[in-house]
């Protein structure tokens, strides 16, 4: 009998603990939207950094920066989540030769969380410096230079004609209709880069991933010194390459055209496709 009572008591205790833990994890959500606008000259720089949210930036024929910030707060109750969201301060401030998005969150956050996502429109000739810790980055229609970093999320660009420096630790990188120099790096994810017809033949391109494949559609009439390698995978190319040194299925070095630009491709676990 004692063993039976002990088992029932133990089971009851475990159920209480399970309910307590699940109650702590059941959080209410509240969202708040902030719209901001500020003058911004073409050729200037927009800078933004956020935690637990995405950044989406589009270039347009405008002379200002328009930003929609979506604040998402989570807490034990909706009232607490709303109170937390309303304490977040968002601003657009002049900085150097451009604008910076400032996000100020209350601290400390115990059993609560808050994230901010940004949808931004800037002049097409702007330069961008974007950082997010848990979220994606998307950029389109920019003729300036783009530098973007995320720790957990994908990075995508479309129709960027300036240089691009993109890095993510856990996520894929996709670059489409680009025409400038590129430095692309991810630790866990594939990289796809497709150059447009207007890309210069002497472009400098560096693509590095540790766990993922690389696919590159090179600029027309590419002229570059090439170095490509993979530890676990193959290298396939449609481009005519003059090989220098020893060639193998997972490592090559040589010259495309007259070798004016640079092309560096490296993956540890994945294949490389060049065309």
C-alpha atoms as a PDB file:
ATOM      1  CA  UNK A   1       0.000   0.000   0.000  1.00  0.00           C
ATOM      2  CA  UNK A   2       2.774   2.368   0.876  1.00  0.00           C
ATOM      3  CA  UNK A   3       4.339   1.873  -2.533  1.00  0.00           C
ATOM      4  CA  UNK A   4       0.993   2.591  -4.183  1.00  0.00           C
ATOM      5  CA  UNK A   5       0.515   5.827  -2.212  1.00  0.00           C
ATOM      6  CA  UNK A   6       4.106   6.851  -2.984  1.00  0.00           C
ATOM      7  CA  UNK A   7       3.616   6.276  -6.717  1.00  0.00           C
ATOM      8  CA  UNK A   8       0.368   8.283  -6.746  1.00  0.00           C
ATOM      9  CA  UNK A   9       2.005  11.110  -4.794  1.00  0.00           C
ATOM     10  CA  UNK A  10       4.990  11.155  -7.144  1.00  0.00           C
ATOM     11  CA  UNK A  11       2.710  11.216 -10.176  1.00  0.00           C
ATOM     12  CA  UNK A  12       0.714  14.079  -8.695  1.00  0.00           C
ATOM     13  CA  UNK A  13       3.892  16.041  -8.017  1.00  0.00           C
ATOM     14  CA  UNK A  14       5.101  15.518 -11.579  1.00  0.00           C
ATOM     15  CA  UNK A  15       1.757  16.708 -12.955  1.00  0.00           C
ATOM     16  CA  UNK A  16       1.937  19.851 -10.824  1.00  0.00           C
ATOM     17  CA  UNK A  17       5.453  20.591 -12.042  1.00  0.00           C
ATOM     18  CA  UNK A  18       4.411  20.014 -15.664  1.00  0.00           C
ATOM     19  CA  UNK A  19       1.464  22.379 -15.303  1.00  0.00           C
ATOM     20  CA  UNK A  20       3.654  24.987 -13.651  1.00  0.00           C
ATOM     21  CA  UNK A  21       6.262  24.821 -16.426  1.00  0.00           C
ATOM     22  CA  UNK A  22       3.671  24.895 -19.196  1.00  0.00           C
ATOM     23  CA  UNK A  23       2.002  27.864 -17.512  1.00  0.00           C
ATOM     24  CA  UNK A  24       5.293  29.753 -17.541  1.00  0.00           C
ATOM     25  CA  UNK A  25       5.732  29.028 -21.254  1.00  0.00           C
ATOM     26  CA  UNK A  26       2.203  30.136 -22.196  1.00  0.00           C
ATOM     27  CA  UNK A  27       2.880  33.791 -23.126  1.00  0.00           C
ATOM     28  CA  UNK A  28       0.532  36.386 -24.535  1.00  0.00           C
ATOM     29  CA  UNK A  29       1.600  38.494 -27.519  1.00  0.00           C
ATOM     30  CA  UNK A  30       1.012  42.152 -28.320  1.00  0.00           C
ATOM     31  CA  UNK A  31       2.080  44.037 -31.456  1.00  0.00           C
ATOM     32  CA  UNK A  32       2.518  47.756 -31.915  1.00  0.00           C
ATOM     33  CA  UNK A  33       3.418  49.630 -35.110  1.00  0.00           C
ATOM     34  CA  UNK A  34       5.459  52.828 -35.322  1.00  0.00           C
ATOM     35  CA  UNK A  35       5.741  54.850 -38.550  1.00  0.00           C
ATOM     36  CA  UNK A  36       8.599  57.313 -38.979  1.00  0.00           C
ATOM     37  CA  UNK A  37       9.903  59.509 -41.786  1.00  0.00           C
ATOM     38  CA  UNK A  38      12.931  61.756 -42.164  1.00  0.00           C
ATOM     39  CA  UNK A  39      14.687  63.555 -45.044  1.00  0.00           C
ATOM     40  CA  UNK A  40      17.522  61.539 -46.601  1.00  0.00           C
ATOM     41  CA  UNK A  41      19.803  62.590 -49.431  1.00  0.00           C
ATOM     42  CA  UNK A  42      20.673  60.181 -52.259  1.00  0.00           C
ATOM     43  CA  UNK A  43      24.189  58.853 -51.733  1.00  0.00           C
ATOM     44  CA  UNK A  44      23.946  58.931 -47.938  1.00  0.00           C
ATOM     45  CA  UNK A  45      23.936  55.923 -45.589  1.00  0.00           C
ATOM     46  CA  UNK A  46      21.092  54.224 -43.724  1.00  0.00           C
ATOM     47  CA  UNK A  47      22.144  52.231 -40.645  1.00  0.00           C
ATOM     48  CA  UNK A  48      19.956  49.878 -38.599  1.00  0.00           C
ATOM     49  CA  UNK A  49      20.434  47.160 -36.001  1.00  0.00           C
ATOM     50  CA  UNK A  50      17.744  45.024 -34.385  1.00  0.00           C
ATOM     51  CA  UNK A  51      17.399  41.918 -32.213  1.00  0.00           C
ATOM     52  CA  UNK A  52      14.731  39.267 -32.828  1.00  0.00           C
ATOM     53  CA  UNK A  53      13.314  40.724 -35.994  1.00  0.00           C
ATOM     54  CA  UNK A  54      13.865  41.151 -39.726  1.00  0.00           C
ATOM     55  CA  UNK A  55      15.054  44.141 -41.756  1.00  0.00           C
ATOM     56  CA  UNK A  56      13.578  44.716 -45.228  1.00  0.00           C
ATOM     57  CA  UNK A  57      14.893  47.687 -47.201  1.00  0.00           C
ATOM     58  CA  UNK A  58      13.781  48.844 -50.652  1.00  0.00           C
ATOM     59  CA  UNK A  59      15.235  51.612 -52.765  1.00  0.00           C
ATOM     60  CA  UNK A  60      12.922  54.041 -54.565  1.00  0.00           C
ATOM     61  CA  UNK A  61      12.893  57.424 -56.299  1.00  0.00           C
ATOM     62  CA  UNK A  62      12.430  59.376 -53.063  1.00  0.00           C
ATOM     63  CA  UNK A  63      14.319  61.993 -51.042  1.00  0.00           C
ATOM     64  CA  UNK A  64      13.453  60.677 -47.595  1.00  0.00           C
ATOM     65  CA  UNK A  65      13.503  57.562 -45.444  1.00  0.00           C
ATOM     66  CA  UNK A  66      10.178  55.980 -44.541  1.00  0.00           C
ATOM     67  CA  UNK A  67      10.256  53.273 -41.869  1.00  0.00           C
ATOM     68  CA  UNK A  68       7.598  51.046 -40.357  1.00  0.00           C
ATOM     69  CA  UNK A  69       8.734  49.369 -37.146  1.00  0.00           C
ATOM     70  CA  UNK A  70       6.700  46.406 -35.903  1.00  0.00           C
ATOM     71  CA  UNK A  71       7.224  45.797 -32.195  1.00  0.00           C
ATOM     72  CA  UNK A  72       6.283  42.341 -30.915  1.00  0.00           C
ATOM     73  CA  UNK A  73       6.204  41.847 -27.159  1.00  0.00           C
ATOM     74  CA  UNK A  74       5.508  38.652 -25.227  1.00  0.00           C
ATOM     75  CA  UNK A  75       4.685  38.322 -21.549  1.00  0.00           C
ATOM     76  CA  UNK A  76       2.520  36.284 -19.184  1.00  0.00           C
ATOM     77  CA  UNK A  77      -0.578  38.396 -19.938  1.00  0.00           C
ATOM     78  CA  UNK A  78      -1.673  40.610 -22.800  1.00  0.00           C
ATOM     79  CA  UNK A  79      -1.694  43.618 -20.477  1.00  0.00           C
ATOM     80  CA  UNK A  80       1.950  43.032 -19.546  1.00  0.00           C
ATOM     81  CA  UNK A  81       2.878  42.470 -23.199  1.00  0.00           C
ATOM     82  CA  UNK A  82       1.171  45.734 -24.204  1.00  0.00           C
ATOM     83  CA  UNK A  83       2.901  47.628 -21.402  1.00  0.00           C
ATOM     84  CA  UNK A  84       6.250  46.229 -22.547  1.00  0.00           C
ATOM     85  CA  UNK A  85       5.633  47.094 -26.217  1.00  0.00           C
ATOM     86  CA  UNK A  86       4.674  50.671 -25.356  1.00  0.00           C
ATOM     87  CA  UNK A  87       7.954  51.169 -23.496  1.00  0.00           C
ATOM     88  CA  UNK A  88      10.007  50.492 -26.636  1.00  0.00           C
ATOM     89  CA  UNK A  89      11.300  53.710 -28.206  1.00  0.00           C
ATOM     90  CA  UNK A  90      11.988  53.945 -31.961  1.00  0.00           C
ATOM     91  CA  UNK A  91      13.611  56.920 -33.688  1.00  0.00           C
ATOM     92  CA  UNK A  92      15.328  58.005 -36.902  1.00  0.00           C
ATOM     93  CA  UNK A  93      18.357  60.139 -36.091  1.00  0.00           C
ATOM     94  CA  UNK A  94      20.911  61.984 -38.257  1.00  0.00           C
ATOM     95  CA  UNK A  95      24.262  60.214 -38.071  1.00  0.00           C
ATOM     96  CA  UNK A  96      27.362  61.070 -40.076  1.00  0.00           C
ATOM     97  CA  UNK A  97      26.266  61.463 -43.683  1.00  0.00           C
ATOM     98  CA  UNK A  98      22.923  59.701 -43.247  1.00  0.00           C
ATOM     99  CA  UNK A  99      20.327  58.292 -40.868  1.00  0.00           C
ATOM    100  CA  UNK A 100      20.381  55.690 -38.108  1.00  0.00           C
ATOM    101  CA  UNK A 101      17.392  53.740 -36.803  1.00  0.00           C
ATOM    102  CA  UNK A 102      17.587  53.735 -32.993  1.00  0.00           C
ATOM    103  CA  UNK A 103      15.776  51.113 -30.924  1.00  0.00           C
ATOM    104  CA  UNK A 104      15.654  51.448 -27.148  1.00  0.00           C
ATOM    105  CA  UNK A 105      14.173  48.547 -25.170  1.00  0.00           C
ATOM    106  CA  UNK A 106      13.422  48.345 -21.431  1.00  0.00           C
ATOM    107  CA  UNK A 107      15.720  46.161 -19.319  1.00  0.00           C
ATOM    108  CA  UNK A 108      15.942  43.712 -17.678  1.00  0.00           C
ATOM    109  CA  UNK A 109      13.480  41.331 -19.329  1.00  0.00           C
ATOM    110  CA  UNK A 110      12.637  38.363 -17.091  1.00  0.00           C
ATOM    111  CA  UNK A 111      10.155  35.840 -18.552  1.00  0.00           C
ATOM    112  CA  UNK A 112       9.402  38.445 -21.218  1.00  0.00           C
ATOM    113  CA  UNK A 113      10.691  39.176 -24.704  1.00  0.00           C
ATOM    114  CA  UNK A 114      10.486  41.940 -27.286  1.00  0.00           C
ATOM    115  CA  UNK A 115      11.498  42.015 -30.947  1.00  0.00           C
ATOM    116  CA  UNK A 116      11.465  44.746 -33.570  1.00  0.00           C
ATOM    117  CA  UNK A 117      11.178  44.247 -37.344  1.00  0.00           C
ATOM    118  CA  UNK A 118      11.829  47.066 -39.817  1.00  0.00           C
ATOM    119  CA  UNK A 119      10.293  47.740 -43.235  1.00  0.00           C
ATOM    120  CA  UNK A 120      12.183  50.628 -44.802  1.00  0.00           C
ATOM    121  CA  UNK A 121      12.120  52.639 -48.028  1.00  0.00           C
ATOM    122  CA  UNK A 122      15.172  54.781 -48.848  1.00  0.00           C
ATOM    123  CA  UNK A 123      16.545  56.608 -51.905  1.00  0.00           C
ATOM    124  CA  UNK A 124      17.783  54.114 -54.474  1.00  0.00           C
ATOM    125  CA  UNK A 125      21.269  55.631 -54.388  1.00  0.00           C
ATOM    126  CA  UNK A 126      21.628  55.003 -50.648  1.00  0.00           C
ATOM    127  CA  UNK A 127      24.277  52.912 -48.918  1.00  0.00           C
ATOM    128  CA  UNK A 128      23.092  50.375 -46.323  1.00  0.00           C
ATOM    129  CA  UNK A 129      24.617  48.999 -43.112  1.00  0.00           C
ATOM    130  CA  UNK A 130      22.222  46.464 -41.563  1.00  0.00           C
ATOM    131  CA  UNK A 131      22.561  44.082 -38.616  1.00  0.00           C
ATOM    132  CA  UNK A 132      20.031  41.706 -37.059  1.00  0.00           C
ATOM    133  CA  UNK A 133      20.680  38.947 -34.532  1.00  0.00           C
ATOM    134  CA  UNK A 134      17.692  36.673 -35.071  1.00  0.00           C
ATOM    135  CA  UNK A 135      15.950  37.504 -38.299  1.00  0.00           C
ATOM    136  CA  UNK A 136      16.304  37.798 -42.051  1.00  0.00           C
ATOM    137  CA  UNK A 137      17.664  40.675 -44.138  1.00  0.00           C
ATOM    138  CA  UNK A 138      16.190  41.565 -47.544  1.00  0.00           C
ATOM    139  CA  UNK A 139      17.383  44.358 -49.843  1.00  0.00           C
ATOM    140  CA  UNK A 140      16.114  45.414 -53.273  1.00  0.00           C
ATOM    141  CA  UNK A 141      16.730  48.145 -55.855  1.00  0.00           C
ATOM    142  CA  UNK A 142      19.819  49.791 -54.364  1.00  0.00           C
ATOM    143  CA  UNK A 143      22.590  51.344 -56.480  1.00  0.00           C
ATOM    144  CA  UNK A 144      24.826  52.057 -53.484  1.00  0.00           C
ATOM    145  CA  UNK A 145      26.905  49.708 -51.360  1.00  0.00           C
ATOM    146  CA  UNK A 146      25.275  47.145 -49.057  1.00  0.00           C
ATOM    147  CA  UNK A 147      26.744  45.610 -45.906  1.00  0.00           C
ATOM    148  CA  UNK A 148      24.421  43.235 -44.032  1.00  0.00           C
ATOM    149  CA  UNK A 149      24.935  40.744 -41.209  1.00  0.00           C
ATOM    150  CA  UNK A 150      22.597  38.383 -39.392  1.00  0.00           C
ATOM    151  CA  UNK A 151      23.348  35.632 -36.895  1.00  0.00           C
ATOM    152  CA  UNK A 152      20.311  33.434 -37.510  1.00  0.00           C
ATOM    153  CA  UNK A 153      18.456  34.103 -40.723  1.00  0.00           C
ATOM    154  CA  UNK A 154      18.699  34.261 -44.495  1.00  0.00           C
ATOM    155  CA  UNK A 155      20.038  37.213 -46.489  1.00  0.00           C
ATOM    156  CA  UNK A 156      18.596  38.102 -49.904  1.00  0.00           C
ATOM    157  CA  UNK A 157      19.332  40.929 -52.325  1.00  0.00           C
ATOM    158  CA  UNK A 158      17.854  41.853 -55.690  1.00  0.00           C
ATOM    159  CA  UNK A 159      19.041  44.441 -58.189  1.00  0.00           C
ATOM    160  CA  UNK A 160      21.938  45.828 -56.146  1.00  0.00           C
ATOM    161  CA  UNK A 161      24.561  47.490 -58.360  1.00  0.00           C
ATOM    162  CA  UNK A 162      27.054  48.603 -55.689  1.00  0.00           C
ATOM    163  CA  UNK A 163      29.368  46.303 -53.774  1.00  0.00           C
ATOM    164  CA  UNK A 164      27.786  43.799 -51.367  1.00  0.00           C
ATOM    165  CA  UNK A 165      29.236  42.371 -48.172  1.00  0.00           C
ATOM    166  CA  UNK A 166      26.821  39.807 -46.723  1.00  0.00           C
ATOM    167  CA  UNK A 167      27.292  37.406 -43.823  1.00  0.00           C
ATOM    168  CA  UNK A 168      25.078  35.045 -41.863  1.00  0.00           C
ATOM    169  CA  UNK A 169      25.989  32.347 -39.380  1.00  0.00           C
ATOM    170  CA  UNK A 170      22.939  30.120 -39.839  1.00  0.00           C
ATOM    171  CA  UNK A 171      21.077  30.754 -43.050  1.00  0.00           C
ATOM    172  CA  UNK A 172      21.242  30.871 -46.832  1.00  0.00           C
ATOM    173  CA  UNK A 173      22.397  33.788 -48.979  1.00  0.00           C
ATOM    174  CA  UNK A 174      20.710  34.621 -52.281  1.00  0.00           C
ATOM    175  CA  UNK A 175      21.968  37.435 -54.523  1.00  0.00           C
ATOM    176  CA  UNK A 176      20.069  38.089 -57.756  1.00  0.00           C
ATOM    177  CA  UNK A 177      20.654  40.537 -60.605  1.00  0.00           C
ATOM    178  CA  UNK A 178      23.650  42.035 -58.876  1.00  0.00           C
ATOM    179  CA  UNK A 179      26.412  43.886 -60.716  1.00  0.00           C
ATOM    180  CA  UNK A 180      29.050  44.907 -58.164  1.00  0.00           C
ATOM    181  CA  UNK A 181      31.880  43.286 -56.251  1.00  0.00           C
ATOM    182  CA  UNK A 182      30.638  40.749 -53.695  1.00  0.00           C
ATOM    183  CA  UNK A 183      31.898  39.167 -50.494  1.00  0.00           C
ATOM    184  CA  UNK A 184      29.433  36.521 -49.302  1.00  0.00           C
ATOM    185  CA  UNK A 185      29.905  34.277 -46.283  1.00  0.00           C
ATOM    186  CA  UNK A 186      27.742  31.850 -44.330  1.00  0.00           C
ATOM    187  CA  UNK A 187      28.573  29.082 -41.876  1.00  0.00           C
ATOM    188  CA  UNK A 188      25.500  26.881 -42.318  1.00  0.00           C
ATOM    189  CA  UNK A 189      23.650  27.440 -45.557  1.00  0.00           C
ATOM    190  CA  UNK A 190      23.895  27.557 -49.322  1.00  0.00           C
ATOM    191  CA  UNK A 191      24.953  30.581 -51.386  1.00  0.00           C
ATOM    192  CA  UNK A 192      23.437  31.500 -54.749  1.00  0.00           C
ATOM    193  CA  UNK A 193      24.696  34.509 -56.702  1.00  0.00           C
ATOM    194  CA  UNK A 194      23.355  35.491 -60.115  1.00  0.00           C
ATOM    195  CA  UNK A 195      24.978  38.433 -61.885  1.00  0.00           C
ATOM    196  CA  UNK A 196      23.091  40.651 -64.302  1.00  0.00           C
ATOM    197  CA  UNK A 197      24.020  41.709 -67.832  1.00  0.00           C
ATOM    198  CA  UNK A 198      25.420  45.066 -66.669  1.00  0.00           C
ATOM    199  CA  UNK A 199      28.017  43.529 -64.313  1.00  0.00           C
ATOM    200  CA  UNK A 200      31.630  44.443 -65.158  1.00  0.00           C
ATOM    201  CA  UNK A 201      33.827  41.634 -66.445  1.00  0.00           C
ATOM    202  CA  UNK A 202      36.601  42.349 -63.896  1.00  0.00           C
ATOM    203  CA  UNK A 203      34.434  41.887 -60.782  1.00  0.00           C
ATOM    204  CA  UNK A 204      35.940  40.702 -57.496  1.00  0.00           C
ATOM    205  CA  UNK A 205      33.832  37.899 -56.013  1.00  0.00           C
ATOM    206  CA  UNK A 206      34.424  35.908 -52.830  1.00  0.00           C
ATOM    207  CA  UNK A 207      31.973  33.226 -51.667  1.00  0.00           C
ATOM    208  CA  UNK A 208      32.620  31.089 -48.580  1.00  0.00           C
ATOM    209  CA  UNK A 209      30.355  28.607 -46.815  1.00  0.00           C
ATOM    210  CA  UNK A 210      31.187  25.843 -44.368  1.00  0.00           C
ATOM    211  CA  UNK A 211      28.102  23.649 -44.756  1.00  0.00           C
ATOM    212  CA  UNK A 212      26.301  24.268 -48.013  1.00  0.00           C
ATOM    213  CA  UNK A 213      26.576  24.414 -51.787  1.00  0.00           C
ATOM    214  CA  UNK A 214      27.683  27.347 -53.959  1.00  0.00           C
ATOM    215  CA  UNK A 215      25.982  28.316 -57.206  1.00  0.00           C
ATOM    216  CA  UNK A 216      27.326  31.223 -59.252  1.00  0.00           C
ATOM    217  CA  UNK A 217      26.125  32.699 -62.527  1.00  0.00           C
ATOM    218  CA  UNK A 218      29.131  34.862 -63.358  1.00  0.00           C
ATOM    219  CA  UNK A 219      29.155  38.309 -64.986  1.00  0.00           C
ATOM    220  CA  UNK A 220      29.138  38.221 -68.798  1.00  0.00           C
ATOM    221  CA  UNK A 221      32.630  37.891 -70.292  1.00  0.00           C
ATOM    222  CA  UNK A 222      34.122  37.373 -66.827  1.00  0.00           C
ATOM    223  CA  UNK A 223      37.860  38.003 -66.653  1.00  0.00           C
ATOM    224  CA  UNK A 224      39.308  36.751 -63.369  1.00  0.00           C
ATOM    225  CA  UNK A 225      41.855  34.653 -61.556  1.00  0.00           C
ATOM    226  CA  UNK A 226      39.899  31.787 -60.009  1.00  0.00           C
ATOM    227  CA  UNK A 227      40.489  29.624 -56.967  1.00  0.00           C
ATOM    228  CA  UNK A 228      37.828  27.098 -55.942  1.00  0.00           C
ATOM    229  CA  UNK A 229      37.834  24.297 -53.380  1.00  0.00           C
ATOM    230  CA  UNK A 230      35.558  21.916 -51.492  1.00  0.00           C
ATOM    231  CA  UNK A 231      36.395  19.197 -49.002  1.00  0.00           C
ATOM    232  CA  UNK A 232      33.276  17.080 -49.498  1.00  0.00           C
ATOM    233  CA  UNK A 233      31.745  17.759 -52.889  1.00  0.00           C
ATOM    234  CA  UNK A 234      32.506  18.401 -56.540  1.00  0.00           C
ATOM    235  CA  UNK A 235      33.254  21.409 -58.748  1.00  0.00           C
ATOM    236  CA  UNK A 236      31.441  21.820 -62.072  1.00  0.00           C
ATOM    237  CA  UNK A 237      31.932  24.729 -64.466  1.00  0.00           C
ATOM    238  CA  UNK A 238      30.560  25.806 -67.845  1.00  0.00           C
ATOM    239  CA  UNK A 239      33.181  28.567 -68.159  1.00  0.00           C
ATOM    240  CA  UNK A 240      36.452  28.069 -70.063  1.00  0.00           C
ATOM    241  CA  UNK A 241      39.248  28.023 -67.472  1.00  0.00           C
ATOM    242  CA  UNK A 242      42.950  27.881 -68.124  1.00  0.00           C
ATOM    243  CA  UNK A 243      44.098  25.587 -65.316  1.00  0.00           C
ATOM    244  CA  UNK A 244      47.278  26.328 -63.392  1.00  0.00           C
ATOM    245  CA  UNK A 245      48.815  23.772 -61.041  1.00  0.00           C
ATOM    246  CA  UNK A 246      47.232  20.462 -60.096  1.00  0.00           C
ATOM    247  CA  UNK A 247      43.548  19.955 -60.890  1.00  0.00           C
ATOM    248  CA  UNK A 248      41.157  17.611 -59.056  1.00  0.00           C
ATOM    249  CA  UNK A 249      37.407  17.159 -58.802  1.00  0.00           C
ATOM    250  CA  UNK A 250      37.278  19.233 -55.595  1.00  0.00           C
ATOM    251  CA  UNK A 251      40.007  21.807 -56.150  1.00  0.00           C
ATOM    252  CA  UNK A 252      41.060  24.042 -59.031  1.00  0.00           C
ATOM    253  CA  UNK A 253      42.995  27.219 -59.742  1.00  0.00           C
ATOM    254  CA  UNK A 254      43.385  29.051 -62.998  1.00  0.00           C
ATOM    255  CA  UNK A 255      42.393  31.987 -65.148  1.00  0.00           C
ATOM    256  CA  UNK A 256      39.205  32.987 -66.923  1.00  0.00           C
ATOM    257  CA  UNK A 257      39.828  35.371 -69.799  1.00  0.00           C
ATOM    258  CA  UNK A 258      42.732  37.729 -69.139  1.00  0.00           C
ATOM    259  CA  UNK A 259      42.445  37.369 -65.343  1.00  0.00           C
ATOM    260  CA  UNK A 260      41.681  40.976 -64.389  1.00  0.00           C
ATOM    261  CA  UNK A 261      39.270  40.302 -61.534  1.00  0.00           C
ATOM    262  CA  UNK A 262      39.254  37.768 -58.686  1.00  0.00           C
ATOM    263  CA  UNK A 263      36.977  34.795 -58.041  1.00  0.00           C
ATOM    264  CA  UNK A 264      37.325  32.843 -54.790  1.00  0.00           C
ATOM    265  CA  UNK A 265      34.924  29.996 -53.990  1.00  0.00           C
ATOM    266  CA  UNK A 266      35.212  27.797 -50.895  1.00  0.00           C
ATOM    267  CA  UNK A 267      32.934  25.295 -49.201  1.00  0.00           C
ATOM    268  CA  UNK A 268      33.766  22.535 -46.746  1.00  0.00           C
ATOM    269  CA  UNK A 269      30.669  20.378 -47.178  1.00  0.00           C
ATOM    270  CA  UNK A 270      28.940  20.977 -50.474  1.00  0.00           C
ATOM    271  CA  UNK A 271      29.386  21.265 -54.241  1.00  0.00           C
ATOM    272  CA  UNK A 272      30.318  24.254 -56.410  1.00  0.00           C
ATOM    273  CA  UNK A 273      28.475  25.058 -59.660  1.00  0.00           C
ATOM    274  CA  UNK A 274      29.848  27.798 -61.932  1.00  0.00           C
ATOM    275  CA  UNK A 275      28.324  28.994 -65.150  1.00  0.00           C
END
